[in-house]
Amino acid sequence: MSDYSILTVMAKKSKSNPSSKDVIVKDGTVVEALKNTSFRVKLDEQTAEGEHPIVFARLAGKLRRYYIRVFAGDKVKMEFSPHDLTQGRITRRY
């Protein structure tokens, strides 16, 4: 094996999935159910102005796969990408 192929194999092994570890987790309450398993969720955390932000959220794969029902008023756990905090993924219903 050449040095180049050894380095590429090592680089591929050392790469990790950034979407699985760089996640921000927050809790909220579903305010409105929209089409296609989409929701508007009011976060439990307050901003500096004292408001609770309302964000757009979709169901995660496992909730969608097992037909977990989510209704307005349900408490949920959400995951956000650090790049966009206005859209999230609902990963658990309480």
C-alpha atoms as a PDB file:
ATOM      1  CA  MET A   1       0.000   0.000   0.000  1.00  0.00           C
ATOM      2  CA  SER A   2       1.218   3.464  -0.764  1.00  0.00           C
ATOM      3  CA  ASP A   3       1.480   6.186   1.846  1.00  0.00           C
ATOM      4  CA  TYR A   4      -1.388   8.090   0.237  1.00  0.00           C
ATOM      5  CA  SER A   5      -3.838   5.189   0.514  1.00  0.00           C
ATOM      6  CA  ILE A   6      -2.873   4.566   4.158  1.00  0.00           C
ATOM      7  CA  LEU A   7      -3.528   8.215   5.010  1.00  0.00           C
ATOM      8  CA  THR A   8      -6.922   8.225   3.299  1.00  0.00           C
ATOM      9  CA  VAL A   9      -7.986   5.078   5.151  1.00  0.00           C
ATOM     10  CA  MET A  10      -6.914   6.639   8.462  1.00  0.00           C
ATOM     11  CA  ALA A  11      -8.752   9.862   7.651  1.00  0.00           C
ATOM     12  CA  LYS A  12     -11.957   7.991   6.821  1.00  0.00           C
ATOM     13  CA  LYS A  13     -11.817   6.078  10.087  1.00  0.00           C
ATOM     14  CA  SER A  14     -11.222   9.188  12.194  1.00  0.00           C
ATOM     15  CA  LYS A  15     -14.163  11.131  10.762  1.00  0.00           C
ATOM     16  CA  SER A  16     -17.140  11.280  13.058  1.00  0.00           C
ATOM     17  CA  ASN A  17     -20.717  12.199  12.293  1.00  0.00           C
ATOM     18  CA  PRO A  18     -21.028  15.896  13.244  1.00  0.00           C
ATOM     19  CA  SER A  19     -24.818  15.810  13.261  1.00  0.00           C
ATOM     20  CA  SER A  20     -24.953  13.268  16.075  1.00  0.00           C
ATOM     21  CA  LYS A  21     -22.662  15.016  18.547  1.00  0.00           C
ATOM     22  CA  ASP A  22     -23.169  18.742  17.857  1.00  0.00           C
ATOM     23  CA  VAL A  23     -26.772  18.889  19.000  1.00  0.00           C
ATOM     24  CA  ILE A  24     -28.548  21.327  21.311  1.00  0.00           C
ATOM     25  CA  VAL A  25     -31.343  19.718  23.345  1.00  0.00           C
ATOM     26  CA  LYS A  26     -34.284  21.784  24.655  1.00  0.00           C
ATOM     27  CA  ASP A  27     -37.747  21.085  26.058  1.00  0.00           C
ATOM     28  CA  GLY A  28     -40.975  22.676  24.904  1.00  0.00           C
ATOM     29  CA  THR A  29     -44.737  22.437  24.491  1.00  0.00           C
ATOM     30  CA  VAL A  30     -46.520  21.833  21.191  1.00  0.00           C
ATOM     31  CA  VAL A  31     -48.668  24.847  20.324  1.00  0.00           C
ATOM     32  CA  GLU A  32     -50.000  23.877  16.894  1.00  0.00           C
ATOM     33  CA  ALA A  33     -50.001  20.760  14.719  1.00  0.00           C
ATOM     34  CA  LEU A  34     -49.320  21.440  11.025  1.00  0.00           C
ATOM     35  CA  LYS A  35     -49.305  19.210   7.939  1.00  0.00           C
ATOM     36  CA  ASN A  36     -46.800  16.407   7.306  1.00  0.00           C
ATOM     37  CA  THR A  37     -45.815  15.773  10.938  1.00  0.00           C
ATOM     38  CA  SER A  38     -44.753  19.391  11.432  1.00  0.00           C
ATOM     39  CA  PHE A  39     -45.431  21.422  14.558  1.00  0.00           C
ATOM     40  CA  ARG A  40     -44.996  24.808  16.178  1.00  0.00           C
ATOM     41  CA  VAL A  41     -43.375  24.406  19.587  1.00  0.00           C
ATOM     42  CA  LYS A  42     -43.103  26.943  22.398  1.00  0.00           C
ATOM     43  CA  LEU A  43     -39.773  26.495  24.196  1.00  0.00           C
ATOM     44  CA  ASP A  44     -39.625  26.347  28.001  1.00  0.00           C
ATOM     45  CA  GLU A  45     -36.560  28.612  28.152  1.00  0.00           C
ATOM     46  CA  GLN A  46     -37.047  32.361  28.187  1.00  0.00           C
ATOM     47  CA  THR A  47     -35.092  34.827  26.083  1.00  0.00           C
ATOM     48  CA  ALA A  48     -33.486  37.964  27.509  1.00  0.00           C
ATOM     49  CA  GLU A  49     -36.736  39.852  26.811  1.00  0.00           C
ATOM     50  CA  GLY A  50     -38.706  37.367  28.934  1.00  0.00           C
ATOM     51  CA  GLU A  51     -40.550  35.686  26.044  1.00  0.00           C
ATOM     52  CA  HIS A  52     -40.792  32.014  25.208  1.00  0.00           C
ATOM     53  CA  PRO A  53     -39.735  31.606  21.541  1.00  0.00           C
ATOM     54  CA  ILE A  54     -41.940  29.588  19.175  1.00  0.00           C
ATOM     55  CA  VAL A  55     -40.002  27.406  16.722  1.00  0.00           C
ATOM     56  CA  PHE A  56     -40.814  25.068  13.830  1.00  0.00           C
ATOM     57  CA  ALA A  57     -40.294  21.333  14.463  1.00  0.00           C
ATOM     58  CA  ARG A  58     -40.658  18.002  12.685  1.00  0.00           C
ATOM     59  CA  LEU A  59     -40.905  14.483  14.066  1.00  0.00           C
ATOM     60  CA  ALA A  60     -37.723  12.421  14.258  1.00  0.00           C
ATOM     61  CA  GLY A  61     -37.472   9.113  12.424  1.00  0.00           C
ATOM     62  CA  LYS A  62     -38.301   6.755  15.311  1.00  0.00           C
ATOM     63  CA  LEU A  63     -41.408   8.723  16.288  1.00  0.00           C
ATOM     64  CA  ARG A  64     -42.556   8.714  12.688  1.00  0.00           C
ATOM     65  CA  ARG A  65     -41.712   5.035  12.199  1.00  0.00           C
ATOM     66  CA  TYR A  66     -43.705   3.840  15.211  1.00  0.00           C
ATOM     67  CA  TYR A  67     -46.622   6.250  14.612  1.00  0.00           C
ATOM     68  CA  ILE A  68     -46.206   8.085  17.922  1.00  0.00           C
ATOM     69  CA  ARG A  69     -49.001  10.652  18.078  1.00  0.00           C
ATOM     70  CA  VAL A  70     -48.163  14.204  19.100  1.00  0.00           C
ATOM     71  CA  PHE A  71     -50.952  16.679  19.856  1.00  0.00           C
ATOM     72  CA  ALA A  72     -51.173  20.324  20.861  1.00  0.00           C
ATOM     73  CA  GLY A  73     -50.324  20.685  24.543  1.00  0.00           C
ATOM     74  CA  ASP A  74     -47.863  17.752  24.662  1.00  0.00           C
ATOM     75  CA  LYS A  75     -44.468  18.287  26.298  1.00  0.00           C
ATOM     76  CA  VAL A  76     -41.634  17.315  23.937  1.00  0.00           C
ATOM     77  CA  LYS A  77     -37.841  17.112  23.850  1.00  0.00           C
ATOM     78  CA  MET A  78     -36.235  18.687  20.788  1.00  0.00           C
ATOM     79  CA  GLU A  79     -32.815  18.645  19.156  1.00  0.00           C
ATOM     80  CA  PHE A  80     -31.419  21.649  17.309  1.00  0.00           C
ATOM     81  CA  SER A  81     -28.481  22.057  14.988  1.00  0.00           C
ATOM     82  CA  PRO A  82     -26.085  24.752  16.209  1.00  0.00           C
ATOM     83  CA  HIS A  83     -26.405  26.381  12.779  1.00  0.00           C
ATOM     84  CA  ASP A  84     -30.163  27.009  12.847  1.00  0.00           C
ATOM     85  CA  LEU A  85     -31.990  27.411  16.152  1.00  0.00           C
ATOM     86  CA  THR A  86     -35.348  28.222  14.527  1.00  0.00           C
ATOM     87  CA  GLN A  87     -35.983  24.654  13.305  1.00  0.00           C
ATOM     88  CA  GLY A  88     -35.761  21.505  15.379  1.00  0.00           C
ATOM     89  CA  ARG A  89     -36.441  17.791  15.475  1.00  0.00           C
ATOM     90  CA  ILE A  90     -38.827  16.302  18.055  1.00  0.00           C
ATOM     91  CA  THR A  91     -37.113  13.275  19.557  1.00  0.00           C
ATOM     92  CA  ARG A  92     -39.324  12.463  22.565  1.00  0.00           C
ATOM     93  CA  ARG A  93     -42.853  13.044  23.791  1.00  0.00           C
ATOM     94  CA  TYR A  94     -43.528  13.205  27.547  1.00  0.00           C
END
